[in-house]
PDB file of N, CA and C in Angstrom:
ATOM      1  N   UNK A   1      49.463  13.577  26.630  1.00  0.00           N
ATOM      2  CA  UNK A   1      49.525  12.845  27.750  1.00  0.00           C
ATOM      3  C   UNK A   1      48.197  12.089  28.067  1.00  0.00           C
ATOM      4  N   UNK A   2      47.055  13.906  27.042  1.00  0.00           N
ATOM      5  CA  UNK A   2      45.679  13.553  27.697  1.00  0.00           C
ATOM      6  C   UNK A   2      45.667  12.274  27.055  1.00  0.00           C
ATOM      7  N   UNK A   3      45.752  12.945  25.275  1.00  0.00           N
ATOM      8  CA  UNK A   3      45.724  11.526  24.334  1.00  0.00           C
ATOM      9  C   UNK A   3      45.680   9.766  24.592  1.00  0.00           C
ATOM     10  N   UNK A   4      46.510   9.416  25.272  1.00  0.00           N
ATOM     11  CA  UNK A   4      47.089   7.594  26.124  1.00  0.00           C
ATOM     12  C   UNK A   4      46.745   8.092  26.547  1.00  0.00           C
ATOM     13  N   UNK A   5      46.202   8.964  28.236  1.00  0.00           N
ATOM     14  CA  UNK A   5      45.567   9.134  29.372  1.00  0.00           C
ATOM     15  C   UNK A   5      43.645   8.123  28.670  1.00  0.00           C
ATOM     16  N   UNK A   6      43.281   9.166  27.700  1.00  0.00           N
ATOM     17  CA  UNK A   6      41.770   8.350  27.401  1.00  0.00           C
ATOM     18  C   UNK A   6      41.734   7.723  26.586  1.00  0.00           C
ATOM     19  N   UNK A   7      43.305   6.696  25.674  1.00  0.00           N
ATOM     20  CA  UNK A   7      43.351   6.128  24.914  1.00  0.00           C
ATOM     21  C   UNK A   7      43.403   4.921  25.914  1.00  0.00           C
ATOM     22  N   UNK A   8      43.877   4.947  26.782  1.00  0.00           N
ATOM     23  CA  UNK A   8      43.906   3.695  28.259  1.00  0.00           C
ATOM     24  C   UNK A   8      42.975   3.676  28.322  1.00  0.00           C
ATOM     25  N   UNK A   9      41.983   4.574  28.862  1.00  0.00           N
ATOM     26  CA  UNK A   9      40.343   3.984  29.197  1.00  0.00           C
ATOM     27  C   UNK A   9      40.226   4.089  28.867  1.00  0.00           C
ATOM     28  N   UNK A  10      40.122   4.426  27.292  1.00  0.00           N
ATOM     29  CA  UNK A  10      38.321   3.576  26.122  1.00  0.00           C
ATOM     30  C   UNK A  10      39.593   2.163  25.986  1.00  0.00           C
ATOM     31  N   UNK A  11      40.164   1.699  26.535  1.00  0.00           N
ATOM     32  CA  UNK A  11      40.887   0.385  26.100  1.00  0.00           C
ATOM     33  C   UNK A  11      39.642  -0.374  26.984  1.00  0.00           C
ATOM     34  N   UNK A  12      40.523   0.427  28.542  1.00  0.00           N
ATOM     35  CA  UNK A  12      39.322  -0.816  29.181  1.00  0.00           C
ATOM     36  C   UNK A  12      38.076  -0.724  29.509  1.00  0.00           C
ATOM     37  N   UNK A  13      36.947   0.583  29.087  1.00  0.00           N
ATOM     38  CA  UNK A  13      36.180   0.369  28.749  1.00  0.00           C
ATOM     39  C   UNK A  13      35.568  -0.139  28.120  1.00  0.00           C
ATOM     40  N   UNK A  14      36.708  -1.027  26.370  1.00  0.00           N
ATOM     41  CA  UNK A  14      36.226  -1.969  25.103  1.00  0.00           C
ATOM     42  C   UNK A  14      36.470  -3.092  26.541  1.00  0.00           C
ATOM     43  N   UNK A  15      37.076  -3.275  27.100  1.00  0.00           N
ATOM     44  CA  UNK A  15      38.029  -4.474  27.456  1.00  0.00           C
ATOM     45  C   UNK A  15      37.134  -5.617  28.272  1.00  0.00           C
ATOM     46  N   UNK A  16      35.877  -4.294  29.316  1.00  0.00           N
ATOM     47  CA  UNK A  16      35.166  -4.331  30.742  1.00  0.00           C
ATOM     48  C   UNK A  16      33.918  -5.023  29.596  1.00  0.00           C
ATOM     49  N   UNK A  17      34.051  -4.405  28.782  1.00  0.00           N
ATOM     50  CA  UNK A  17      31.907  -3.815  27.605  1.00  0.00           C
ATOM     51  C   UNK A  17      32.530  -5.540  26.867  1.00  0.00           C
ATOM     52  N   UNK A  18      33.846  -5.786  26.936  1.00  0.00           N
ATOM     53  CA  UNK A  18      33.294  -6.910  25.515  1.00  0.00           C
ATOM     54  C   UNK A  18      33.991  -8.333  26.638  1.00  0.00           C
ATOM     55  N   UNK A  19      34.151  -8.593  28.029  1.00  0.00           N
ATOM     56  CA  UNK A  19      33.587  -9.448  28.534  1.00  0.00           C
ATOM     57  C   UNK A  19      31.681  -9.388  29.440  1.00  0.00           C
ATOM     58  N   UNK A  20      31.409  -8.479  29.747  1.00  0.00           N
ATOM     59  CA  UNK A  20      30.741  -8.054  29.569  1.00  0.00           C
ATOM     60  C   UNK A  20      29.414  -8.692  29.324  1.00  0.00           C
ATOM     61  N   UNK A  21      29.610  -8.492  27.650  1.00  0.00           N
ATOM     62  CA  UNK A  21      28.977  -9.612  26.650  1.00  0.00           C
ATOM     63  C   UNK A  21      29.498 -10.596  26.691  1.00  0.00           C
ATOM     64  N   UNK A  22      30.662 -11.112  26.655  1.00  0.00           N
ATOM     65  CA  UNK A  22      30.959 -12.983  26.322  1.00  0.00           C
ATOM     66  C   UNK A  22      29.728 -13.347  28.145  1.00  0.00           C
ATOM     67  N   UNK A  23      29.711 -12.265  28.787  1.00  0.00           N
ATOM     68  CA  UNK A  23      29.244 -12.900  29.462  1.00  0.00           C
ATOM     69  C   UNK A  23      27.523 -13.103  29.545  1.00  0.00           C
ATOM     70  N   UNK A  24      26.922 -12.212  28.599  1.00  0.00           N
ATOM     71  CA  UNK A  24      25.451 -12.419  28.279  1.00  0.00           C
ATOM     72  C   UNK A  24      25.414 -13.377  27.372  1.00  0.00           C
ATOM     73  N   UNK A  25      26.282 -13.803  25.882  1.00  0.00           N
ATOM     74  CA  UNK A  25      26.077 -14.549  25.359  1.00  0.00           C
ATOM     75  C   UNK A  25      25.848 -15.873  25.978  1.00  0.00           C
ATOM     76  N   UNK A  26      27.140 -16.196  26.765  1.00  0.00           N
ATOM     77  CA  UNK A  26      27.254 -17.184  27.524  1.00  0.00           C
ATOM     78  C   UNK A  26      25.625 -18.176  28.599  1.00  0.00           C
ATOM     79  N   UNK A  27      24.593 -17.011  28.250  1.00  0.00           N
ATOM     80  CA  UNK A  27      23.836 -17.001  29.045  1.00  0.00           C
ATOM     81  C   UNK A  27      22.869 -17.669  28.304  1.00  0.00           C
ATOM     82  N   UNK A  28      22.278 -19.433  28.425  1.00  0.00           N
ATOM     83  CA  UNK A  28      21.301 -19.729  27.190  1.00  0.00           C
ATOM     84  C   UNK A  28      20.087 -19.870  28.071  1.00  0.00           C
ATOM     85  N   UNK A  29      18.821 -19.425  27.391  1.00  0.00           N
ATOM     86  CA  UNK A  29      17.490 -20.099  27.415  1.00  0.00           C
ATOM     87  C   UNK A  29      17.150 -21.391  27.443  1.00  0.00           C
ATOM     88  N   UNK A  30      16.874 -22.821  29.288  1.00  0.00           N
ATOM     89  CA  UNK A  30      16.620 -23.490  28.794  1.00  0.00           C
ATOM     90  C   UNK A  30      14.999 -24.412  27.820  1.00  0.00           C
ATOM     91  N   UNK A  31      15.360 -24.567  26.451  1.00  0.00           N
ATOM     92  CA  UNK A  31      13.895 -25.674  25.650  1.00  0.00           C
ATOM     93  C   UNK A  31      12.640 -24.758  26.499  1.00  0.00           C
ATOM     94  N   UNK A  32      11.779 -24.077  26.260  1.00  0.00           N
ATOM     95  CA  UNK A  32      10.162 -24.838  26.460  1.00  0.00           C
ATOM     96  C   UNK A  32      10.110 -23.885  28.399  1.00  0.00           C
ATOM     97  N   UNK A  33      10.912 -22.970  28.040  1.00  0.00           N
ATOM     98  CA  UNK A  33      11.744 -22.338  29.815  1.00  0.00           C
ATOM     99  C   UNK A  33       9.701 -21.403  29.624  1.00  0.00           C
ATOM    100  N   UNK A  34       9.121 -20.928  31.359  1.00  0.00           N
ATOM    101  CA  UNK A  34       7.824 -20.660  31.339  1.00  0.00           C
ATOM    102  C   UNK A  34       7.916 -18.866  30.846  1.00  0.00           C
ATOM    103  N   UNK A  35       7.470 -19.267  30.270  1.00  0.00           N
ATOM    104  CA  UNK A  35       7.536 -17.225  30.393  1.00  0.00           C
ATOM    105  C   UNK A  35       8.345 -16.667  28.803  1.00  0.00           C
ATOM    106  N   UNK A  36       8.931 -17.834  27.857  1.00  0.00           N
ATOM    107  CA  UNK A  36       9.231 -16.838  26.867  1.00  0.00           C
ATOM    108  C   UNK A  36       8.776 -18.814  25.472  1.00  0.00           C
ATOM    109  N   UNK A  37       8.723 -17.352  25.375  1.00  0.00           N
ATOM    110  CA  UNK A  37       7.984 -18.094  23.750  1.00  0.00           C
ATOM    111  C   UNK A  37       9.241 -18.585  23.018  1.00  0.00           C
ATOM    112  N   UNK A  38       8.346 -19.393  22.301  1.00  0.00           N
ATOM    113  CA  UNK A  38       9.588 -19.489  21.434  1.00  0.00           C
ATOM    114  C   UNK A  38       9.327 -19.058  19.993  1.00  0.00           C
ATOM    115  N   UNK A  39       9.265 -18.372  18.380  1.00  0.00           N
ATOM    116  CA  UNK A  39       9.226 -17.761  17.439  1.00  0.00           C
ATOM    117  C   UNK A  39       8.566 -19.074  16.703  1.00  0.00           C
ATOM    118  N   UNK A  40       7.343 -18.678  16.574  1.00  0.00           N
ATOM    119  CA  UNK A  40       6.734 -19.467  15.662  1.00  0.00           C
ATOM    120  C   UNK A  40       7.923 -19.533  14.215  1.00  0.00           C
ATOM    121  N   UNK A  41       7.615 -18.626  13.636  1.00  0.00           N
ATOM    122  CA  UNK A  41       7.913 -18.608  12.158  1.00  0.00           C
ATOM    123  C   UNK A  41       8.608 -17.358  12.297  1.00  0.00           C
ATOM    124  N   UNK A  42       9.482 -16.867  11.284  1.00  0.00           N
ATOM    125  CA  UNK A  42      10.633 -15.316  11.646  1.00  0.00           C
ATOM    126  C   UNK A  42      10.280 -13.908  10.180  1.00  0.00           C
ATOM    127  N   UNK A  43       9.963 -13.782  11.248  1.00  0.00           N
ATOM    128  CA  UNK A  43       9.541 -12.423  10.283  1.00  0.00           C
ATOM    129  C   UNK A  43      10.429 -11.345  10.360  1.00  0.00           C
ATOM    130  N   UNK A  44      10.349 -10.934   9.637  1.00  0.00           N
ATOM    131  CA  UNK A  44      11.062 -10.147   8.782  1.00  0.00           C
ATOM    132  C   UNK A  44      11.092  -9.093   8.013  1.00  0.00           C
ATOM    133  N   UNK A  45      11.376  -7.775   7.971  1.00  0.00           N
ATOM    134  CA  UNK A  45      10.861  -6.278   7.555  1.00  0.00           C
ATOM    135  C   UNK A  45      10.472  -7.009   6.831  1.00  0.00           C
ATOM    136  N   UNK A  46      11.556  -6.860   5.287  1.00  0.00           N
ATOM    137  CA  UNK A  46      11.587  -7.047   3.833  1.00  0.00           C
ATOM    138  C   UNK A  46      10.464  -8.030   3.571  1.00  0.00           C
ATOM    139  N   UNK A  47      10.109  -8.990   4.725  1.00  0.00           N
ATOM    140  CA  UNK A  47       9.373 -10.354   4.813  1.00  0.00           C
ATOM    141  C   UNK A  47       7.840  -9.619   4.599  1.00  0.00           C
ATOM    142  N   UNK A  48       7.530  -8.844   6.091  1.00  0.00           N
ATOM    143  CA  UNK A  48       6.030  -8.554   5.598  1.00  0.00           C
ATOM    144  C   UNK A  48       5.650  -7.270   4.983  1.00  0.00           C
ATOM    145  N   UNK A  49       6.267  -6.474   4.001  1.00  0.00           N
ATOM    146  CA  UNK A  49       6.519  -5.550   2.987  1.00  0.00           C
ATOM    147  C   UNK A  49       6.032  -6.618   1.746  1.00  0.00           C
ATOM    148  N   UNK A  50       7.265  -7.632   1.352  1.00  0.00           N
ATOM    149  CA  UNK A  50       6.846  -8.071   1.148  1.00  0.00           C
ATOM    150  C   UNK A  50       5.817  -9.113   0.240  1.00  0.00           C
ATOM    151  N   UNK A  51       5.170  -9.264   1.610  1.00  0.00           N
ATOM    152  CA  UNK A  51       4.412  -9.722   2.020  1.00  0.00           C
ATOM    153  C   UNK A  51       2.725  -9.120   1.452  1.00  0.00           C
ATOM    154  N   UNK A  52       2.662  -7.341   1.902  1.00  0.00           N
ATOM    155  CA  UNK A  52       2.067  -6.854   1.821  1.00  0.00           C
ATOM    156  C   UNK A  52       1.670  -6.392   0.360  1.00  0.00           C
ATOM    157  N   UNK A  53       3.044  -6.292  -0.415  1.00  0.00           N
ATOM    158  CA  UNK A  53       2.795  -5.863  -2.193  1.00  0.00           C
ATOM    159  C   UNK A  53       2.463  -6.672  -2.646  1.00  0.00           C
ATOM    160  N   UNK A  54       2.456  -8.245  -2.587  1.00  0.00           N
ATOM    161  CA  UNK A  54       1.985  -9.574  -3.286  1.00  0.00           C
ATOM    162  C   UNK A  54       0.300  -9.671  -3.309  1.00  0.00           C
ATOM    163  N   UNK A  55      -0.054  -8.807  -1.893  1.00  0.00           N
ATOM    164  CA  UNK A  55      -1.162  -8.867  -1.505  1.00  0.00           C
ATOM    165  C   UNK A  55      -2.105  -7.445  -2.981  1.00  0.00           C
ATOM    166  N   UNK A  56      -1.490  -6.429  -2.271  1.00  0.00           N
ATOM    167  CA  UNK A  56      -1.803  -5.460  -2.770  1.00  0.00           C
ATOM    168  C   UNK A  56      -2.329  -5.883  -4.890  1.00  0.00           C
ATOM    169  N   UNK A  57      -0.284  -6.327  -5.179  1.00  0.00           N
ATOM    170  CA  UNK A  57      -0.479  -6.843  -6.701  1.00  0.00           C
ATOM    171  C   UNK A  57      -1.946  -7.306  -7.165  1.00  0.00           C
ATOM    172  N   UNK A  58      -1.824  -8.777  -6.111  1.00  0.00           N
ATOM    173  CA  UNK A  58      -3.044 -10.093  -6.312  1.00  0.00           C
ATOM    174  C   UNK A  58      -4.518  -8.835  -6.427  1.00  0.00           C
ATOM    175  N   UNK A  59      -4.902  -8.055  -5.873  1.00  0.00           N
ATOM    176  CA  UNK A  59      -5.817  -7.562  -5.951  1.00  0.00           C
ATOM    177  C   UNK A  59      -6.142  -6.541  -6.980  1.00  0.00           C
ATOM    178  N   UNK A  60      -5.343  -6.062  -7.500  1.00  0.00           N
ATOM    179  CA  UNK A  60      -5.005  -5.429  -9.173  1.00  0.00           C
ATOM    180  C   UNK A  60      -5.242  -5.929  -9.259  1.00  0.00           C
ATOM    181  N   UNK A  61      -4.554  -7.283 -10.208  1.00  0.00           N
ATOM    182  CA  UNK A  61      -4.864  -8.479 -10.861  1.00  0.00           C
ATOM    183  C   UNK A  61      -6.335  -8.888 -10.875  1.00  0.00           C
ATOM    184  N   UNK A  62      -6.417  -9.683  -9.798  1.00  0.00           N
ATOM    185  CA  UNK A  62      -8.600 -10.057  -9.223  1.00  0.00           C
ATOM    186  C   UNK A  62      -8.907  -8.975  -9.958  1.00  0.00           C
ATOM    187  N   UNK A  63      -8.506  -6.788 -10.241  1.00  0.00           N
ATOM    188  CA  UNK A  63      -9.977  -6.111 -10.473  1.00  0.00           C
ATOM    189  C   UNK A  63      -9.254  -5.702 -11.851  1.00  0.00           C
ATOM    190  N   UNK A  64      -7.809  -6.413 -12.295  1.00  0.00           N
ATOM    191  CA  UNK A  64      -8.235  -6.484 -13.638  1.00  0.00           C
ATOM    192  C   UNK A  64      -8.485  -7.308 -14.937  1.00  0.00           C
ATOM    193  N   UNK A  65      -8.498  -8.148 -14.012  1.00  0.00           N
ATOM    194  CA  UNK A  65      -9.790 -10.253 -14.565  1.00  0.00           C
ATOM    195  C   UNK A  65     -10.527  -9.632 -13.868  1.00  0.00           C
ATOM    196  N   UNK A  66     -11.622  -8.988 -13.816  1.00  0.00           N
ATOM    197  CA  UNK A  66     -12.715  -8.593 -13.479  1.00  0.00           C
ATOM    198  C   UNK A  66     -12.948  -7.785 -14.176  1.00  0.00           C
ATOM    199  N   UNK A  67     -12.512  -6.972 -14.372  1.00  0.00           N
ATOM    200  CA  UNK A  67     -12.837  -6.103 -15.790  1.00  0.00           C
ATOM    201  C   UNK A  67     -12.896  -6.501 -16.676  1.00  0.00           C
ATOM    202  N   UNK A  68     -11.825  -7.831 -17.426  1.00  0.00           N
ATOM    203  CA  UNK A  68     -11.998  -7.721 -18.620  1.00  0.00           C
ATOM    204  C   UNK A  68     -13.133  -8.773 -18.853  1.00  0.00           C
ATOM    205  N   UNK A  69     -13.487  -8.706 -17.429  1.00  0.00           N
ATOM    206  CA  UNK A  69     -14.621 -10.308 -18.456  1.00  0.00           C
ATOM    207  C   UNK A  69     -16.283  -9.674 -18.384  1.00  0.00           C
ATOM    208  N   UNK A  70     -15.781  -8.083 -18.118  1.00  0.00           N
ATOM    209  CA  UNK A  70     -17.089  -7.514 -17.913  1.00  0.00           C
ATOM    210  C   UNK A  70     -17.628  -7.390 -19.473  1.00  0.00           C
ATOM    211  N   UNK A  71     -16.254  -6.160 -19.375  1.00  0.00           N
ATOM    212  CA  UNK A  71     -15.516  -5.843 -21.110  1.00  0.00           C
ATOM    213  C   UNK A  71     -15.929  -7.269 -22.055  1.00  0.00           C
ATOM    214  N   UNK A  72     -15.882  -8.096 -21.750  1.00  0.00           N
ATOM    215  CA  UNK A  72     -16.014  -9.204 -23.177  1.00  0.00           C
ATOM    216  C   UNK A  72     -16.957 -10.127 -23.256  1.00  0.00           C
ATOM    217  N   UNK A  73     -18.261  -9.386 -21.987  1.00  0.00           N
ATOM    218  CA  UNK A  73     -19.092  -9.873 -22.200  1.00  0.00           C
ATOM    219  C   UNK A  73     -19.339 -10.907 -21.838  1.00  0.00           C
ATOM    220  N   UNK A  74     -18.501 -11.993 -20.611  1.00  0.00           N
ATOM    221  CA  UNK A  74     -18.183 -13.101 -20.190  1.00  0.00           C
ATOM    222  C   UNK A  74     -19.842 -12.699 -18.921  1.00  0.00           C
ATOM    223  N   UNK A  75     -19.633 -12.214 -18.375  1.00  0.00           N
ATOM    224  CA  UNK A  75     -20.467 -11.488 -17.562  1.00  0.00           C
ATOM    225  C   UNK A  75     -20.854 -10.331 -16.666  1.00  0.00           C
ATOM    226  N   UNK A  76     -22.449 -10.271 -16.265  1.00  0.00           N
ATOM    227  CA  UNK A  76     -22.579  -9.055 -16.629  1.00  0.00           C
ATOM    228  C   UNK A  76     -22.853  -7.896 -15.071  1.00  0.00           C
ATOM    229  N   UNK A  77     -21.928  -8.607 -14.081  1.00  0.00           N
ATOM    230  CA  UNK A  77     -22.067  -8.555 -12.504  1.00  0.00           C
ATOM    231  C   UNK A  77     -21.092  -7.178 -12.802  1.00  0.00           C
ATOM    232  N   UNK A  78     -20.843  -6.173 -12.833  1.00  0.00           N
ATOM    233  CA  UNK A  78     -20.617  -4.676 -12.365  1.00  0.00           C
ATOM    234  C   UNK A  78     -20.130  -4.432 -11.458  1.00  0.00           C
ATOM    235  N   UNK A  79     -21.019  -4.811 -10.410  1.00  0.00           N
ATOM    236  CA  UNK A  79     -20.939  -4.563  -9.490  1.00  0.00           C
ATOM    237  C   UNK A  79     -19.760  -4.515  -8.721  1.00  0.00           C
ATOM    238  N   UNK A  80     -19.412  -6.312  -8.639  1.00  0.00           N
ATOM    239  CA  UNK A  80     -18.338  -6.730  -8.606  1.00  0.00           C
ATOM    240  C   UNK A  80     -17.254  -5.822  -9.052  1.00  0.00           C
ATOM    241  N   UNK A  81     -17.591  -6.263 -10.196  1.00  0.00           N
ATOM    242  CA  UNK A  81     -15.980  -5.479 -11.072  1.00  0.00           C
ATOM    243  C   UNK A  81     -15.623  -4.384 -10.275  1.00  0.00           C
ATOM    244  N   UNK A  82     -16.862  -3.569 -10.047  1.00  0.00           N
ATOM    245  CA  UNK A  82     -16.459  -1.662 -10.012  1.00  0.00           C
ATOM    246  C   UNK A  82     -15.541  -2.334  -8.052  1.00  0.00           C
ATOM    247  N   UNK A  83     -16.436  -2.564  -7.508  1.00  0.00           N
ATOM    248  CA  UNK A  83     -15.878  -3.208  -5.892  1.00  0.00           C
ATOM    249  C   UNK A  83     -14.659  -3.453  -6.359  1.00  0.00           C
ATOM    250  N   UNK A  84     -14.174  -4.723  -6.799  1.00  0.00           N
ATOM    251  CA  UNK A  84     -12.380  -5.475  -7.135  1.00  0.00           C
ATOM    252  C   UNK A  84     -11.950  -4.406  -7.540  1.00  0.00           C
ATOM    253  N   UNK A  85     -12.502  -3.101  -8.053  1.00  0.00           N
ATOM    254  CA  UNK A  85     -11.800  -2.026  -8.634  1.00  0.00           C
ATOM    255  C   UNK A  85     -11.493  -1.189  -7.156  1.00  0.00           C
ATOM    256  N   UNK A  86     -12.069  -0.774  -6.757  1.00  0.00           N
ATOM    257  CA  UNK A  86     -12.093   0.398  -5.936  1.00  0.00           C
ATOM    258  C   UNK A  86     -11.139  -0.081  -4.908  1.00  0.00           C
ATOM    259  N   UNK A  87     -11.472  -1.814  -4.408  1.00  0.00           N
ATOM    260  CA  UNK A  87     -10.799  -2.311  -3.331  1.00  0.00           C
ATOM    261  C   UNK A  87      -8.916  -2.471  -4.144  1.00  0.00           C
ATOM    262  N   UNK A  88      -8.479  -3.119  -4.333  1.00  0.00           N
ATOM    263  CA  UNK A  88      -7.460  -2.602  -5.479  1.00  0.00           C
ATOM    264  C   UNK A  88      -7.095  -0.610  -5.024  1.00  0.00           C
ATOM    265  N   UNK A  89      -8.090  -0.231  -5.818  1.00  0.00           N
ATOM    266  CA  UNK A  89      -6.728   1.349  -5.620  1.00  0.00           C
ATOM    267  C   UNK A  89      -7.160   1.433  -3.390  1.00  0.00           C
ATOM    268  N   UNK A  90      -7.856   1.087  -2.905  1.00  0.00           N
ATOM    269  CA  UNK A  90      -7.256   1.223  -1.747  1.00  0.00           C
ATOM    270  C   UNK A  90      -6.164   0.654  -1.155  1.00  0.00           C
ATOM    271  N   UNK A  91      -6.099  -0.545  -1.703  1.00  0.00           N
ATOM    272  CA  UNK A  91      -4.905  -1.035  -1.412  1.00  0.00           C
ATOM    273  C   UNK A  91      -3.930  -1.087  -1.966  1.00  0.00           C
ATOM    274  N   UNK A  92      -3.987  -0.085  -2.924  1.00  0.00           N
ATOM    275  CA  UNK A  92      -2.346   0.464  -3.714  1.00  0.00           C
ATOM    276  C   UNK A  92      -2.121   1.266  -2.872  1.00  0.00           C
ATOM    277  N   UNK A  93      -3.482   2.832  -2.416  1.00  0.00           N
ATOM    278  CA  UNK A  93      -3.146   4.007  -2.061  1.00  0.00           C
ATOM    279  C   UNK A  93      -2.383   3.775  -0.732  1.00  0.00           C
ATOM    280  N   UNK A  94      -2.981   2.746   0.166  1.00  0.00           N
ATOM    281  CA  UNK A  94      -2.775   2.653   1.511  1.00  0.00           C
ATOM    282  C   UNK A  94      -0.844   1.931   1.445  1.00  0.00           C
ATOM    283  N   UNK A  95      -0.633   1.700   0.760  1.00  0.00           N
ATOM    284  CA  UNK A  95       0.337   0.748   0.762  1.00  0.00           C
ATOM    285  C   UNK A  95       0.693   2.302   0.193  1.00  0.00           C
ATOM    286  N   UNK A  96       0.667   3.285  -0.480  1.00  0.00           N
ATOM    287  CA  UNK A  96       2.043   4.246  -0.757  1.00  0.00           C
ATOM    288  C   UNK A  96       1.478   5.557   0.552  1.00  0.00           C
ATOM    289  N   UNK A  97       0.819   5.132   0.939  1.00  0.00           N
ATOM    290  CA  UNK A  97       0.576   6.266   2.479  1.00  0.00           C
ATOM    291  C   UNK A  97       1.321   5.251   2.911  1.00  0.00           C
ATOM    292  N   UNK A  98       1.447   3.914   3.321  1.00  0.00           N
ATOM    293  CA  UNK A  98       2.568   2.835   4.049  1.00  0.00           C
ATOM    294  C   UNK A  98       4.546   3.416   4.480  1.00  0.00           C
ATOM    295  N   UNK A  99       4.555   3.792   2.782  1.00  0.00           N
ATOM    296  CA  UNK A  99       5.381   4.153   2.102  1.00  0.00           C
ATOM    297  C   UNK A  99       6.052   5.605   2.159  1.00  0.00           C
ATOM    298  N   UNK A 100       4.927   6.556   2.597  1.00  0.00           N
ATOM    299  CA  UNK A 100       5.448   8.049   2.333  1.00  0.00           C
ATOM    300  C   UNK A 100       5.675   8.087   4.422  1.00  0.00           C
ATOM    301  N   UNK A 101       4.532   7.375   5.254  1.00  0.00           N
ATOM    302  CA  UNK A 101       5.112   7.014   5.887  1.00  0.00           C
ATOM    303  C   UNK A 101       6.466   6.793   6.959  1.00  0.00           C
ATOM    304  N   UNK A 102       7.180   5.448   5.947  1.00  0.00           N
ATOM    305  CA  UNK A 102       8.242   4.228   6.037  1.00  0.00           C
ATOM    306  C   UNK A 102       9.242   5.997   5.850  1.00  0.00           C
ATOM    307  N   UNK A 103       9.337   6.182   4.599  1.00  0.00           N
ATOM    308  CA  UNK A 103      10.352   7.163   4.140  1.00  0.00           C
ATOM    309  C   UNK A 103      10.193   8.525   5.293  1.00  0.00           C
ATOM    310  N   UNK A 104       9.496   9.085   5.327  1.00  0.00           N
ATOM    311  CA  UNK A 104       9.622  10.135   6.331  1.00  0.00           C
ATOM    312  C   UNK A 104      10.160   9.776   8.029  1.00  0.00           C
ATOM    313  N   UNK A 105       9.641   8.004   8.953  1.00  0.00           N
ATOM    314  CA  UNK A 105      10.315   7.947   9.465  1.00  0.00           C
ATOM    315  C   UNK A 105      11.589   7.751   9.321  1.00  0.00           C
ATOM    316  N   UNK A 106      12.192   7.077   8.346  1.00  0.00           N
ATOM    317  CA  UNK A 106      13.962   6.576   8.263  1.00  0.00           C
ATOM    318  C   UNK A 106      14.571   8.161   8.131  1.00  0.00           C
ATOM    319  N   UNK A 107      13.699   9.322   6.946  1.00  0.00           N
ATOM    320  CA  UNK A 107      14.378  10.545   6.961  1.00  0.00           C
ATOM    321  C   UNK A 107      14.850  11.010   8.711  1.00  0.00           C
ATOM    322  N   UNK A 108      13.106  11.125   9.701  1.00  0.00           N
ATOM    323  CA  UNK A 108      13.877  11.709  10.706  1.00  0.00           C
ATOM    324  C   UNK A 108      14.869  10.999  11.513  1.00  0.00           C
ATOM    325  N   UNK A 109      15.357  10.019  11.145  1.00  0.00           N
ATOM    326  CA  UNK A 109      16.205   9.088  12.095  1.00  0.00           C
ATOM    327  C   UNK A 109      17.408   9.036  11.726  1.00  0.00           C
ATOM    328  N   UNK A 110      17.689   9.851  10.294  1.00  0.00           N
ATOM    329  CA  UNK A 110      18.355   9.694  10.152  1.00  0.00           C
ATOM    330  C   UNK A 110      19.317  11.348   9.897  1.00  0.00           C
ATOM    331  N   UNK A 111      18.031  12.304  10.324  1.00  0.00           N
ATOM    332  CA  UNK A 111      18.348  14.376  10.817  1.00  0.00           C
ATOM    333  C   UNK A 111      18.685  13.823  12.143  1.00  0.00           C
ATOM    334  N   UNK A 112      18.067  12.818  13.453  1.00  0.00           N
ATOM    335  CA  UNK A 112      19.358  13.459  15.023  1.00  0.00           C
ATOM    336  C   UNK A 112      20.491  12.851  15.229  1.00  0.00           C
ATOM    337  N   UNK A 113      21.387  13.773  15.612  1.00  0.00           N
ATOM    338  CA  UNK A 113      22.619  13.725  15.916  1.00  0.00           C
ATOM    339  C   UNK A 113      22.382  12.549  17.407  1.00  0.00           C
ATOM    340  N   UNK A 114      23.909  11.885  16.102  1.00  0.00           N
ATOM    341  CA  UNK A 114      24.574  10.586  17.038  1.00  0.00           C
ATOM    342  C   UNK A 114      25.433  10.722  18.426  1.00  0.00           C
TER     343      UNK A 114
END
């Protein structure tokens, strides 16, 4: 008896939520309405992270190229080579720290009771 009553109540709540959801989906905002900004480009999480990783990789490659130029005797600008190496190292350490923070945040979210 209790199960059938709760089942009917759940169905009514579901129908009511579906109707409200349909009403909200039917609302359309006109293009160029004041106060509503259209996104210029779609930024997703994987695009942001992928771009960040590519930038770190480019810094590492630039550092390696600069070190090779110094080692081959093409240039004697060891300061630039050291700066590039430090910049690449800092970028890599930053990437690792951001990854660690994201993983900690994900694990905290997974521990939360639903």
